[in-house]
Amino acid sequence: MDPLPLASVAPTPEQVRRATEEVLGRTEFRPGAGSADLVLDAIRRALASVGAWALSHPVGAWLLILVLVLILIALLLHIGWTFYRVVFRTGNIQTKRGGAARSSWEILEGAARDWGSALVKAKDALARGDERRAVWIGHRVLLGLLDERGALEFAAWKTNADYLAECPSSQPVSRTLGELTRVYDDVVYGHRRVDPGAIGSLLDRVGQTRTEAAS
């Protein structure tokens, strides 16, 4: 059998044209195809893959949506809290430093209407042997004075450890706060006996802090 002539198996011009158009139509040969186009194309392919996976796994898709919604809520709460701390809390501290003080009863919970009378009641309680009451009032007075200075922000939900961490060590009264906090933990929380003379000395230091703040 005679072999076919080479001309009979060679591609026609039309076939060459179509093959060339197909090759040049690929992404890498498109005019002006840059990094942005490649990224968008990759994103489209990824979204298509996710859509196909969601159709095949509806339960998993709902769980994924739930997780994403929870993450979004957490981010919004974080943004809101950050905005509050930056705008409102900073403004409150600046207001306090300008002279506006928090109402005494808010911190003293009705024990007194001002720091001076509160310290008098604390010393009276100490003289009666009620160390727990004396320490509680003295501690609240010191927190209130530091709150007015802007050294910390009083809040009923905070712990003593929160106040110690919040009060800068550069504050001269931070040492007094640390010592009074240890006594507070022993007397109020631990129901342990503490030398009344040590408590009285701490109350005097709180009173000195009040005098310095008023001058």
N, C-alpha and C. Protein backbone atom coordinates (compact mmCIF):
# COMPACT_ATOMS: atom_id res chain seq x y z
N MET A 1 0.86 -1.21 0.00
CA MET A 1 0.00 0.00 0.00
C MET A 1 0.88 1.24 0.00
N ASP A 2 0.61 2.14 -0.91
CA ASP A 2 1.42 3.34 -1.03
C ASP A 2 1.13 4.30 0.10
N PRO A 3 2.15 4.93 0.72
CA PRO A 3 1.92 5.92 1.79
C PRO A 3 1.20 7.15 1.25
N LEU A 4 0.44 7.78 2.18
CA LEU A 4 -0.30 8.98 1.77
C LEU A 4 0.67 10.13 1.55
N PRO A 5 0.36 10.95 0.60
CA PRO A 5 1.23 12.12 0.39
C PRO A 5 1.23 13.00 1.62
N LEU A 6 2.37 13.68 1.90
CA LEU A 6 2.47 14.56 3.07
C LEU A 6 1.47 15.68 3.02
N ALA A 7 1.13 16.14 1.84
CA ALA A 7 0.21 17.27 1.73
C ALA A 7 -1.16 16.90 2.24
N SER A 8 -1.53 15.57 2.20
CA SER A 8 -2.88 15.19 2.62
C SER A 8 -3.03 15.19 4.12
N VAL A 9 -1.92 15.10 4.92
CA VAL A 9 -2.03 15.08 6.37
C VAL A 9 -1.63 16.42 6.99
N ALA A 10 -1.18 17.35 6.25
CA ALA A 10 -0.81 18.67 6.79
C ALA A 10 -2.07 19.43 7.17
N PRO A 11 -2.07 20.23 8.31
CA PRO A 11 -3.25 20.99 8.72
C PRO A 11 -3.59 22.06 7.70
N THR A 12 -4.86 22.29 7.61
CA THR A 12 -5.32 23.33 6.69
C THR A 12 -5.10 24.70 7.31
N PRO A 13 -5.11 25.73 6.55
CA PRO A 13 -4.97 27.10 7.11
C PRO A 13 -6.04 27.41 8.15
N GLU A 14 -7.26 26.92 7.95
CA GLU A 14 -8.35 27.17 8.92
C GLU A 14 -8.05 26.52 10.25
N GLN A 15 -7.52 25.30 10.23
CA GLN A 15 -7.17 24.61 11.46
C GLN A 15 -6.04 25.34 12.19
N VAL A 16 -5.07 25.81 11.43
CA VAL A 16 -3.98 26.57 12.04
C VAL A 16 -4.50 27.83 12.70
N ARG A 17 -5.43 28.53 12.03
CA ARG A 17 -5.99 29.76 12.58
C ARG A 17 -6.73 29.50 13.89
N ARG A 18 -7.58 28.44 13.91
CA ARG A 18 -8.35 28.13 15.12
C ARG A 18 -7.42 27.74 16.27
N ALA A 19 -6.41 26.95 15.99
CA ALA A 19 -5.47 26.54 17.03
C ALA A 19 -4.72 27.75 17.60
N THR A 20 -4.34 28.65 16.70
CA THR A 20 -3.64 29.85 17.15
C THR A 20 -4.52 30.72 18.03
N GLU A 21 -5.80 30.90 17.64
CA GLU A 21 -6.73 31.70 18.43
C GLU A 21 -6.96 31.07 19.80
N GLU A 22 -7.03 29.73 19.84
CA GLU A 22 -7.25 29.04 21.12
C GLU A 22 -6.07 29.26 22.07
N VAL A 23 -4.86 29.16 21.55
CA VAL A 23 -3.67 29.36 22.38
C VAL A 23 -3.58 30.81 22.86
N LEU A 24 -3.78 31.74 21.94
CA LEU A 24 -3.68 33.16 22.30
C LEU A 24 -4.81 33.61 23.20
N GLY A 25 -5.91 32.83 23.25
CA GLY A 25 -7.03 33.20 24.11
C GLY A 25 -6.82 32.84 25.56
N ARG A 26 -5.76 32.10 25.87
CA ARG A 26 -5.48 31.76 27.26
C ARG A 26 -5.11 33.00 28.07
N THR A 27 -5.25 32.87 29.43
CA THR A 27 -5.04 34.02 30.32
C THR A 27 -3.66 34.62 30.17
N GLU A 28 -2.66 33.75 30.07
CA GLU A 28 -1.29 34.28 30.03
C GLU A 28 -0.97 35.02 28.74
N PHE A 29 -1.81 34.85 27.69
CA PHE A 29 -1.57 35.53 26.44
C PHE A 29 -2.52 36.69 26.20
N ARG A 30 -3.40 36.99 27.19
CA ARG A 30 -4.35 38.08 27.00
C ARG A 30 -3.61 39.41 27.06
N PRO A 31 -3.97 40.34 26.25
CA PRO A 31 -3.31 41.66 26.28
C PRO A 31 -3.60 42.36 27.60
N GLY A 32 -2.56 42.85 28.23
CA GLY A 32 -2.73 43.63 29.45
C GLY A 32 -3.03 42.80 30.68
N ALA A 33 -2.94 41.48 30.59
CA ALA A 33 -3.20 40.63 31.75
C ALA A 33 -2.06 40.80 32.74
N GLY A 34 -2.36 41.41 33.89
CA GLY A 34 -1.34 41.65 34.89
C GLY A 34 -1.63 40.89 36.17
N SER A 35 -0.94 41.30 37.23
CA SER A 35 -1.09 40.62 38.52
C SER A 35 -2.51 40.74 39.04
N ALA A 36 -3.13 41.94 38.88
CA ALA A 36 -4.49 42.14 39.38
C ALA A 36 -5.47 41.19 38.69
N ASP A 37 -5.33 41.04 37.38
CA ASP A 37 -6.22 40.13 36.65
C ASP A 37 -6.03 38.69 37.11
N LEU A 38 -4.79 38.31 37.35
CA LEU A 38 -4.53 36.95 37.80
C LEU A 38 -5.11 36.72 39.19
N VAL A 39 -4.99 37.71 40.05
CA VAL A 39 -5.54 37.58 41.41
C VAL A 39 -7.05 37.48 41.35
N LEU A 40 -7.71 38.35 40.57
CA LEU A 40 -9.16 38.29 40.45
C LEU A 40 -9.61 36.96 39.88
N ASP A 41 -8.88 36.45 38.91
CA ASP A 41 -9.23 35.16 38.34
C ASP A 41 -9.10 34.06 39.37
N ALA A 42 -8.06 34.14 40.19
CA ALA A 42 -7.88 33.14 41.25
C ALA A 42 -9.00 33.22 42.28
N ILE A 43 -9.43 34.45 42.60
CA ILE A 43 -10.53 34.63 43.55
C ILE A 43 -11.82 34.04 42.99
N ARG A 44 -12.07 34.30 41.70
CA ARG A 44 -13.28 33.75 41.08
C ARG A 44 -13.27 32.23 41.12
N ARG A 45 -12.12 31.64 40.85
CA ARG A 45 -12.03 30.18 40.89
C ARG A 45 -12.24 29.66 42.30
N ALA A 46 -11.66 30.38 43.29
CA ALA A 46 -11.82 29.95 44.68
C ALA A 46 -13.28 30.04 45.12
N LEU A 47 -13.97 31.14 44.76
CA LEU A 47 -15.38 31.28 45.11
C LEU A 47 -16.23 30.21 44.44
N ALA A 48 -15.89 29.90 43.21
CA ALA A 48 -16.62 28.84 42.52
C ALA A 48 -16.43 27.51 43.22
N SER A 49 -15.20 27.25 43.69
CA SER A 49 -14.93 26.01 44.40
C SER A 49 -15.69 25.95 45.72
N VAL A 50 -15.72 27.09 46.43
CA VAL A 50 -16.46 27.14 47.70
C VAL A 50 -17.95 26.92 47.45
N GLY A 51 -18.48 27.55 46.40
CA GLY A 51 -19.89 27.36 46.07
C GLY A 51 -20.21 25.92 45.76
N ALA A 52 -19.33 25.28 45.02
CA ALA A 52 -19.55 23.86 44.70
C ALA A 52 -19.48 23.00 45.95
N TRP A 53 -18.52 23.33 46.84
CA TRP A 53 -18.41 22.57 48.09
C TRP A 53 -19.65 22.77 48.96
N ALA A 54 -20.17 24.01 49.02
CA ALA A 54 -21.36 24.29 49.83
C ALA A 54 -22.57 23.52 49.32
N LEU A 55 -22.71 23.40 48.01
CA LEU A 55 -23.82 22.63 47.45
C LEU A 55 -23.70 21.15 47.80
N SER A 56 -22.49 20.67 47.87
CA SER A 56 -22.28 19.25 48.18
C SER A 56 -22.33 18.97 49.67
N HIS A 57 -22.04 19.98 50.50
CA HIS A 57 -22.02 19.80 51.96
C HIS A 57 -22.84 20.92 52.61
N PRO A 58 -24.16 20.87 52.56
CA PRO A 58 -24.99 21.96 53.10
C PRO A 58 -24.82 22.16 54.61
N VAL A 59 -24.68 21.06 55.37
CA VAL A 59 -24.52 21.20 56.82
C VAL A 59 -23.21 21.90 57.15
N GLY A 60 -22.15 21.45 56.51
CA GLY A 60 -20.86 22.10 56.74
C GLY A 60 -20.88 23.56 56.32
N ALA A 61 -21.62 23.87 55.25
CA ALA A 61 -21.69 25.26 54.80
C ALA A 61 -22.38 26.13 55.84
N TRP A 62 -23.46 25.62 56.46
CA TRP A 62 -24.15 26.40 57.49
C TRP A 62 -23.26 26.59 58.71
N LEU A 63 -22.50 25.54 59.08
CA LEU A 63 -21.58 25.68 60.21
C LEU A 63 -20.50 26.72 59.91
N LEU A 64 -20.01 26.72 58.68
CA LEU A 64 -19.01 27.72 58.29
C LEU A 64 -19.59 29.12 58.35
N ILE A 65 -20.82 29.28 57.88
CA ILE A 65 -21.48 30.60 57.93
C ILE A 65 -21.64 31.05 59.38
N LEU A 66 -22.03 30.11 60.27
CA LEU A 66 -22.21 30.45 61.68
C LEU A 66 -20.89 30.91 62.30
N VAL A 67 -19.80 30.20 61.99
CA VAL A 67 -18.50 30.59 62.53
C VAL A 67 -18.10 31.97 62.03
N LEU A 68 -18.32 32.22 60.75
CA LEU A 68 -17.96 33.52 60.18
C LEU A 68 -18.79 34.65 60.80
N VAL A 69 -20.07 34.37 61.06
CA VAL A 69 -20.93 35.38 61.69
C VAL A 69 -20.44 35.69 63.10
N LEU A 70 -20.07 34.64 63.86
CA LEU A 70 -19.57 34.85 65.22
C LEU A 70 -18.27 35.64 65.21
N ILE A 71 -17.40 35.34 64.25
CA ILE A 71 -16.16 36.11 64.13
C ILE A 71 -16.45 37.57 63.82
N LEU A 72 -17.43 37.80 62.93
CA LEU A 72 -17.79 39.17 62.58
C LEU A 72 -18.34 39.91 63.79
N ILE A 73 -19.19 39.24 64.58
CA ILE A 73 -19.74 39.87 65.79
C ILE A 73 -18.62 40.21 66.76
N ALA A 74 -17.68 39.27 66.94
CA ALA A 74 -16.56 39.52 67.85
C ALA A 74 -15.72 40.71 67.39
N LEU A 75 -15.50 40.81 66.10
CA LEU A 75 -14.73 41.95 65.57
C LEU A 75 -15.46 43.26 65.80
N LEU A 76 -16.79 43.25 65.58
CA LEU A 76 -17.56 44.48 65.79
C LEU A 76 -17.54 44.89 67.25
N LEU A 77 -17.66 43.90 68.17
CA LEU A 77 -17.60 44.22 69.59
C LEU A 77 -16.23 44.77 69.98
N HIS A 78 -15.19 44.18 69.42
CA HIS A 78 -13.84 44.67 69.71
C HIS A 78 -13.66 46.10 69.20
N ILE A 79 -14.15 46.36 68.00
CA ILE A 79 -14.05 47.72 67.45
C ILE A 79 -14.83 48.70 68.31
N GLY A 80 -16.04 48.30 68.73
CA GLY A 80 -16.84 49.17 69.57
C GLY A 80 -16.18 49.46 70.91
N TRP A 81 -15.61 48.41 71.53
CA TRP A 81 -14.95 48.60 72.82
C TRP A 81 -13.72 49.48 72.67
N THR A 82 -12.95 49.27 71.60
CA THR A 82 -11.78 50.11 71.36
C THR A 82 -12.18 51.56 71.16
N PHE A 83 -13.26 51.78 70.40
CA PHE A 83 -13.75 53.14 70.18
C PHE A 83 -14.16 53.78 71.50
N TYR A 84 -14.84 53.00 72.35
CA TYR A 84 -15.27 53.53 73.65
C TYR A 84 -14.06 53.93 74.50
N ARG A 85 -13.05 53.05 74.56
CA ARG A 85 -11.89 53.33 75.39
C ARG A 85 -11.13 54.55 74.89
N VAL A 86 -11.01 54.66 73.56
CA VAL A 86 -10.22 55.76 73.00
C VAL A 86 -10.95 57.09 73.13
N VAL A 87 -12.26 57.08 72.85
CA VAL A 87 -13.02 58.34 72.80
C VAL A 87 -13.59 58.71 74.17
N PHE A 88 -14.42 57.82 74.73
CA PHE A 88 -15.15 58.19 75.94
C PHE A 88 -14.30 58.09 77.19
N ARG A 89 -13.55 56.97 77.35
CA ARG A 89 -12.77 56.82 78.57
C ARG A 89 -11.68 57.86 78.66
N THR A 90 -11.01 58.14 77.54
CA THR A 90 -9.98 59.17 77.55
C THR A 90 -10.57 60.53 77.90
N GLY A 91 -11.77 60.80 77.36
CA GLY A 91 -12.43 62.06 77.68
C GLY A 91 -12.78 62.16 79.14
N ASN A 92 -13.23 61.02 79.74
CA ASN A 92 -13.57 61.03 81.16
C ASN A 92 -12.35 61.30 82.03
N ILE A 93 -11.20 60.68 81.66
CA ILE A 93 -9.98 60.89 82.44
C ILE A 93 -9.55 62.34 82.35
N GLN A 94 -9.63 62.92 81.15
CA GLN A 94 -9.25 64.32 81.01
C GLN A 94 -10.17 65.22 81.80
N THR A 95 -11.46 64.87 81.87
CA THR A 95 -12.40 65.66 82.65
C THR A 95 -12.07 65.60 84.13
N LYS A 96 -11.70 64.39 84.59
CA LYS A 96 -11.35 64.25 86.00
C LYS A 96 -10.11 65.09 86.32
N ARG A 97 -9.14 65.04 85.41
CA ARG A 97 -7.93 65.81 85.66
C ARG A 97 -8.21 67.29 85.64
N GLY A 98 -9.29 67.68 84.98
CA GLY A 98 -9.65 69.10 84.95
C GLY A 98 -10.36 69.54 86.21
N GLY A 99 -10.69 68.60 87.11
CA GLY A 99 -11.26 68.98 88.39
C GLY A 99 -12.61 68.38 88.68
N ALA A 100 -13.29 67.79 87.69
CA ALA A 100 -14.60 67.20 87.96
C ALA A 100 -14.40 65.84 88.59
N ALA A 101 -14.98 65.60 89.75
CA ALA A 101 -14.77 64.36 90.49
C ALA A 101 -16.00 63.48 90.43
N ARG A 102 -15.76 62.17 90.53
CA ARG A 102 -16.85 61.21 90.61
C ARG A 102 -17.59 61.40 91.93
N SER A 103 -18.90 61.22 91.96
CA SER A 103 -19.67 61.37 93.19
C SER A 103 -19.16 60.39 94.25
N SER A 104 -18.99 60.90 95.47
CA SER A 104 -18.43 60.07 96.53
C SER A 104 -19.28 58.84 96.81
N TRP A 105 -20.60 58.99 96.81
CA TRP A 105 -21.45 57.86 97.17
C TRP A 105 -21.33 56.71 96.20
N GLU A 106 -20.93 57.01 94.97
CA GLU A 106 -20.82 55.96 93.97
C GLU A 106 -19.75 54.95 94.35
N ILE A 107 -18.69 55.43 95.03
CA ILE A 107 -17.61 54.56 95.45
C ILE A 107 -17.80 54.10 96.90
N LEU A 108 -18.26 54.99 97.74
CA LEU A 108 -18.41 54.67 99.16
C LEU A 108 -19.70 53.93 99.48
N GLU A 109 -20.60 53.84 98.51
CA GLU A 109 -21.86 53.08 98.66
C GLU A 109 -22.64 53.51 99.91
N GLY A 110 -22.71 54.82 100.13
CA GLY A 110 -23.51 55.34 101.23
C GLY A 110 -22.80 55.42 102.55
N ALA A 111 -21.53 54.97 102.60
CA ALA A 111 -20.80 55.03 103.87
C ALA A 111 -20.55 56.46 104.30
N ALA A 112 -20.39 57.37 103.35
CA ALA A 112 -20.17 58.78 103.64
C ALA A 112 -20.42 59.56 102.36
N ARG A 113 -20.45 60.90 102.51
CA ARG A 113 -20.71 61.75 101.35
C ARG A 113 -19.44 62.44 100.85
N ASP A 114 -18.34 62.28 101.57
CA ASP A 114 -17.08 62.87 101.11
C ASP A 114 -15.94 62.09 101.73
N TRP A 115 -14.72 62.33 101.22
CA TRP A 115 -13.57 61.55 101.65
C TRP A 115 -13.21 61.82 103.11
N GLY A 116 -13.30 63.07 103.52
CA GLY A 116 -12.92 63.41 104.89
C GLY A 116 -13.77 62.69 105.92
N SER A 117 -15.09 62.77 105.78
CA SER A 117 -15.98 62.11 106.75
C SER A 117 -15.84 60.59 106.64
N ALA A 118 -15.52 60.09 105.46
CA ALA A 118 -15.33 58.65 105.31
C ALA A 118 -14.13 58.17 106.12
N LEU A 119 -13.03 58.94 106.08
CA LEU A 119 -11.86 58.56 106.86
C LEU A 119 -12.14 58.63 108.36
N VAL A 120 -12.93 59.60 108.78
CA VAL A 120 -13.31 59.69 110.19
C VAL A 120 -14.07 58.43 110.60
N LYS A 121 -14.99 57.99 109.76
CA LYS A 121 -15.76 56.77 110.06
C LYS A 121 -14.85 55.54 110.06
N ALA A 122 -13.85 55.53 109.16
CA ALA A 122 -12.93 54.40 109.13
C ALA A 122 -12.14 54.31 110.44
N LYS A 123 -11.67 55.45 110.96
CA LYS A 123 -10.91 55.43 112.21
C LYS A 123 -11.81 55.11 113.40
N ASP A 124 -13.07 55.57 113.36
CA ASP A 124 -14.01 55.20 114.42
C ASP A 124 -14.24 53.69 114.43
N ALA A 125 -14.38 53.11 113.25
CA ALA A 125 -14.58 51.66 113.17
C ALA A 125 -13.36 50.92 113.68
N LEU A 126 -12.17 51.43 113.38
CA LEU A 126 -10.95 50.80 113.87
C LEU A 126 -10.87 50.88 115.39
N ALA A 127 -11.28 52.02 115.96
CA ALA A 127 -11.27 52.18 117.42
C ALA A 127 -12.25 51.21 118.08
N ARG A 128 -13.35 50.87 117.40
CA ARG A 128 -14.33 49.93 117.95
C ARG A 128 -13.90 48.47 117.75
N GLY A 129 -12.79 48.27 117.07
CA GLY A 129 -12.35 46.91 116.81
C GLY A 129 -12.89 46.32 115.53
N ASP A 130 -13.56 47.14 114.72
CA ASP A 130 -14.11 46.65 113.44
C ASP A 130 -13.08 46.93 112.33
N GLU A 131 -12.01 46.12 112.34
CA GLU A 131 -10.95 46.33 111.34
C GLU A 131 -11.47 46.14 109.92
N ARG A 132 -12.40 45.23 109.74
CA ARG A 132 -12.91 44.96 108.39
C ARG A 132 -13.57 46.21 107.80
N ARG A 133 -14.41 46.87 108.61
CA ARG A 133 -15.08 48.08 108.13
C ARG A 133 -14.08 49.20 107.88
N ALA A 134 -13.11 49.33 108.77
CA ALA A 134 -12.12 50.38 108.63
C ALA A 134 -11.30 50.20 107.36
N VAL A 135 -10.88 48.98 107.09
CA VAL A 135 -10.07 48.72 105.89
C VAL A 135 -10.90 48.92 104.63
N TRP A 136 -12.15 48.47 104.66
CA TRP A 136 -13.01 48.61 103.47
C TRP A 136 -13.17 50.08 103.10
N ILE A 137 -13.48 50.92 104.10
CA ILE A 137 -13.69 52.34 103.82
C ILE A 137 -12.39 52.99 103.36
N GLY A 138 -11.28 52.71 104.06
CA GLY A 138 -10.01 53.31 103.67
C GLY A 138 -9.60 52.93 102.25
N HIS A 139 -9.84 51.70 101.89
CA HIS A 139 -9.51 51.23 100.55
C HIS A 139 -10.35 51.95 99.50
N ARG A 140 -11.65 52.10 99.77
CA ARG A 140 -12.52 52.80 98.82
C ARG A 140 -12.14 54.28 98.69
N VAL A 141 -11.75 54.90 99.79
CA VAL A 141 -11.34 56.30 99.73
C VAL A 141 -10.11 56.44 98.82
N LEU A 142 -9.15 55.54 99.00
CA LEU A 142 -7.93 55.63 98.19
C LEU A 142 -8.25 55.39 96.72
N LEU A 143 -9.12 54.43 96.43
CA LEU A 143 -9.51 54.20 95.04
C LEU A 143 -10.19 55.43 94.46
N GLY A 144 -11.03 56.07 95.27
CA GLY A 144 -11.72 57.28 94.79
C GLY A 144 -10.74 58.41 94.50
N LEU A 145 -9.75 58.59 95.36
CA LEU A 145 -8.76 59.64 95.14
C LEU A 145 -7.94 59.37 93.88
N LEU A 146 -7.56 58.11 93.68
CA LEU A 146 -6.81 57.76 92.47
C LEU A 146 -7.67 57.88 91.23
N ASP A 147 -8.96 57.61 91.38
CA ASP A 147 -9.89 57.77 90.26
C ASP A 147 -9.96 59.24 89.85
N GLU A 148 -10.00 60.13 90.83
CA GLU A 148 -10.03 61.56 90.54
C GLU A 148 -8.75 62.02 89.85
N ARG A 149 -7.64 61.43 90.22
CA ARG A 149 -6.36 61.80 89.61
C ARG A 149 -6.23 61.28 88.18
N GLY A 150 -7.05 60.31 87.83
CA GLY A 150 -6.90 59.68 86.52
C GLY A 150 -5.88 58.56 86.53
N ALA A 151 -5.43 58.14 87.73
CA ALA A 151 -4.46 57.06 87.82
C ALA A 151 -5.11 55.70 87.57
N LEU A 152 -6.39 55.60 87.81
CA LEU A 152 -7.16 54.40 87.52
C LEU A 152 -8.61 54.79 87.36
N GLU A 153 -9.43 53.84 86.94
CA GLU A 153 -10.86 54.09 86.79
C GLU A 153 -11.63 53.11 87.64
N PHE A 154 -12.37 53.62 88.62
CA PHE A 154 -13.11 52.75 89.52
C PHE A 154 -14.28 52.11 88.79
N ALA A 155 -14.47 50.82 89.04
CA ALA A 155 -15.62 50.08 88.51
C ALA A 155 -15.91 48.94 89.46
N ALA A 156 -17.18 48.73 89.76
CA ALA A 156 -17.56 47.74 90.75
C ALA A 156 -17.14 46.32 90.35
N TRP A 157 -17.02 46.06 89.05
CA TRP A 157 -16.69 44.71 88.60
C TRP A 157 -15.21 44.40 88.67
N LYS A 158 -14.38 45.40 88.88
CA LYS A 158 -12.94 45.18 88.88
C LYS A 158 -12.48 44.54 90.19
N THR A 159 -11.38 43.81 90.10
CA THR A 159 -10.77 43.20 91.28
C THR A 159 -9.63 44.08 91.77
N ASN A 160 -9.15 43.77 92.96
CA ASN A 160 -8.00 44.52 93.49
C ASN A 160 -6.78 44.37 92.59
N ALA A 161 -6.63 43.19 92.01
CA ALA A 161 -5.50 42.98 91.09
C ALA A 161 -5.62 43.89 89.87
N ASP A 162 -6.85 44.13 89.42
CA ASP A 162 -7.05 45.04 88.28
C ASP A 162 -6.57 46.45 88.63
N TYR A 163 -6.90 46.90 89.84
CA TYR A 163 -6.49 48.26 90.23
C TYR A 163 -4.97 48.36 90.36
N LEU A 164 -4.35 47.32 90.90
CA LEU A 164 -2.90 47.34 91.04
C LEU A 164 -2.22 47.37 89.67
N ALA A 165 -2.76 46.62 88.72
CA ALA A 165 -2.19 46.61 87.38
C ALA A 165 -2.45 47.92 86.65
N GLU A 166 -3.57 48.58 86.97
CA GLU A 166 -3.95 49.80 86.26
C GLU A 166 -3.21 51.02 86.78
N CYS A 167 -2.92 51.04 88.08
CA CYS A 167 -2.28 52.21 88.68
C CYS A 167 -0.80 52.23 88.31
N PRO A 168 -0.32 53.27 87.65
CA PRO A 168 1.09 53.32 87.24
C PRO A 168 2.02 53.30 88.45
N SER A 169 3.13 52.60 88.33
CA SER A 169 4.10 52.55 89.42
C SER A 169 4.75 53.92 89.65
N SER A 170 4.62 54.80 88.64
CA SER A 170 5.18 56.15 88.78
C SER A 170 4.39 57.00 89.77
N GLN A 171 3.17 56.58 90.07
CA GLN A 171 2.36 57.31 91.05
C GLN A 171 2.96 57.10 92.45
N PRO A 172 3.25 58.17 93.18
CA PRO A 172 3.85 58.01 94.51
C PRO A 172 2.98 57.18 95.45
N VAL A 173 1.66 57.24 95.25
CA VAL A 173 0.75 56.56 96.16
C VAL A 173 0.56 55.09 95.77
N SER A 174 1.21 54.64 94.70
CA SER A 174 1.02 53.25 94.29
C SER A 174 1.49 52.27 95.36
N ARG A 175 2.54 52.64 96.10
CA ARG A 175 3.02 51.77 97.19
C ARG A 175 1.96 51.64 98.28
N THR A 176 1.33 52.77 98.61
CA THR A 176 0.27 52.72 99.62
C THR A 176 -0.88 51.84 99.15
N LEU A 177 -1.23 51.95 97.87
CA LEU A 177 -2.29 51.11 97.32
C LEU A 177 -1.92 49.63 97.43
N GLY A 178 -0.66 49.30 97.13
CA GLY A 178 -0.24 47.92 97.22
C GLY A 178 -0.33 47.38 98.64
N GLU A 179 0.14 48.15 99.62
CA GLU A 179 0.11 47.71 101.01
C GLU A 179 -1.33 47.62 101.52
N LEU A 180 -2.15 48.62 101.21
CA LEU A 180 -3.53 48.59 101.66
C LEU A 180 -4.30 47.44 101.00
N THR A 181 -3.96 47.12 99.76
CA THR A 181 -4.62 46.00 99.08
C THR A 181 -4.28 44.68 99.76
N ARG A 182 -3.02 44.50 100.17
CA ARG A 182 -2.64 43.27 100.86
C ARG A 182 -3.38 43.14 102.19
N VAL A 183 -3.49 44.26 102.92
CA VAL A 183 -4.24 44.25 104.17
C VAL A 183 -5.72 43.96 103.90
N TYR A 184 -6.25 44.55 102.84
CA TYR A 184 -7.66 44.33 102.45
C TYR A 184 -7.90 42.84 102.19
N ASP A 185 -7.00 42.22 101.45
CA ASP A 185 -7.16 40.79 101.15
C ASP A 185 -7.12 39.95 102.42
N ASP A 186 -6.25 40.33 103.36
CA ASP A 186 -6.14 39.57 104.61
C ASP A 186 -7.37 39.74 105.49
N VAL A 187 -7.82 40.99 105.62
CA VAL A 187 -8.89 41.29 106.58
C VAL A 187 -10.28 41.03 105.99
N VAL A 188 -10.54 41.59 104.80
CA VAL A 188 -11.88 41.52 104.22
C VAL A 188 -12.14 40.14 103.60
N TYR A 189 -11.19 39.64 102.83
CA TYR A 189 -11.39 38.35 102.17
C TYR A 189 -10.96 37.17 103.05
N GLY A 190 -9.79 37.30 103.70
CA GLY A 190 -9.27 36.18 104.47
C GLY A 190 -9.75 36.11 105.90
N HIS A 191 -10.42 37.17 106.39
CA HIS A 191 -10.90 37.22 107.79
C HIS A 191 -9.77 36.93 108.77
N ARG A 192 -8.57 37.46 108.46
CA ARG A 192 -7.43 37.29 109.34
C ARG A 192 -7.18 38.57 110.13
N ARG A 193 -6.58 38.40 111.28
CA ARG A 193 -6.28 39.54 112.13
C ARG A 193 -5.04 40.25 111.63
N VAL A 194 -5.11 41.58 111.62
CA VAL A 194 -3.97 42.41 111.25
C VAL A 194 -3.78 43.44 112.36
N ASP A 195 -2.54 43.77 112.64
CA ASP A 195 -2.22 44.74 113.68
C ASP A 195 -3.00 46.03 113.45
N PRO A 196 -3.86 46.43 114.38
CA PRO A 196 -4.62 47.67 114.22
C PRO A 196 -3.73 48.89 114.02
N GLY A 197 -2.53 48.86 114.63
CA GLY A 197 -1.61 49.98 114.44
C GLY A 197 -1.19 50.11 112.98
N ALA A 198 -0.99 48.98 112.29
CA ALA A 198 -0.62 49.02 110.87
C ALA A 198 -1.77 49.56 110.03
N ILE A 199 -3.00 49.18 110.41
CA ILE A 199 -4.17 49.69 109.69
C ILE A 199 -4.31 51.20 109.90
N GLY A 200 -4.12 51.63 111.16
CA GLY A 200 -4.20 53.06 111.44
C GLY A 200 -3.15 53.85 110.67
N SER A 201 -1.95 53.30 110.54
CA SER A 201 -0.90 53.98 109.78
C SER A 201 -1.28 54.11 108.31
N LEU A 202 -1.88 53.08 107.76
CA LEU A 202 -2.32 53.14 106.36
C LEU A 202 -3.42 54.17 106.18
N LEU A 203 -4.34 54.25 107.14
CA LEU A 203 -5.41 55.25 107.05
C LEU A 203 -4.83 56.65 107.10
N ASP A 204 -3.79 56.85 107.93
CA ASP A 204 -3.14 58.17 107.98
C ASP A 204 -2.51 58.51 106.64
N ARG A 205 -1.90 57.52 105.99
CA ARG A 205 -1.30 57.76 104.67
C ARG A 205 -2.36 58.08 103.62
N VAL A 206 -3.52 57.43 103.74
CA VAL A 206 -4.62 57.76 102.82
C VAL A 206 -5.07 59.19 103.07
N GLY A 207 -5.16 59.58 104.35
CA GLY A 207 -5.54 60.95 104.68
C GLY A 207 -4.52 61.95 104.15
N GLN A 208 -3.23 61.61 104.20
CA GLN A 208 -2.21 62.49 103.65
C GLN A 208 -2.36 62.63 102.15
N THR A 209 -2.73 61.54 101.48
CA THR A 209 -2.97 61.58 100.04
C THR A 209 -4.14 62.50 99.74
N ARG A 210 -5.18 62.43 100.56
CA ARG A 210 -6.33 63.32 100.37
C ARG A 210 -5.93 64.76 100.54
N THR A 211 -5.10 65.06 101.54
CA THR A 211 -4.66 66.44 101.77
C THR A 211 -3.85 66.96 100.60
N GLU A 212 -2.96 66.11 100.08
CA GLU A 212 -2.15 66.52 98.94
C GLU A 212 -3.01 66.78 97.71
N ALA A 213 -4.06 65.96 97.54
CA ALA A 213 -4.94 66.15 96.39
C ALA A 213 -5.74 67.43 96.50
N ALA A 214 -6.09 67.82 97.74
CA ALA A 214 -6.90 69.03 97.94
C ALA A 214 -6.06 70.30 97.82
N SER A 215 -4.75 70.19 98.04
CA SER A 215 -3.90 71.39 98.04
C SER A 215 -3.51 71.77 96.61
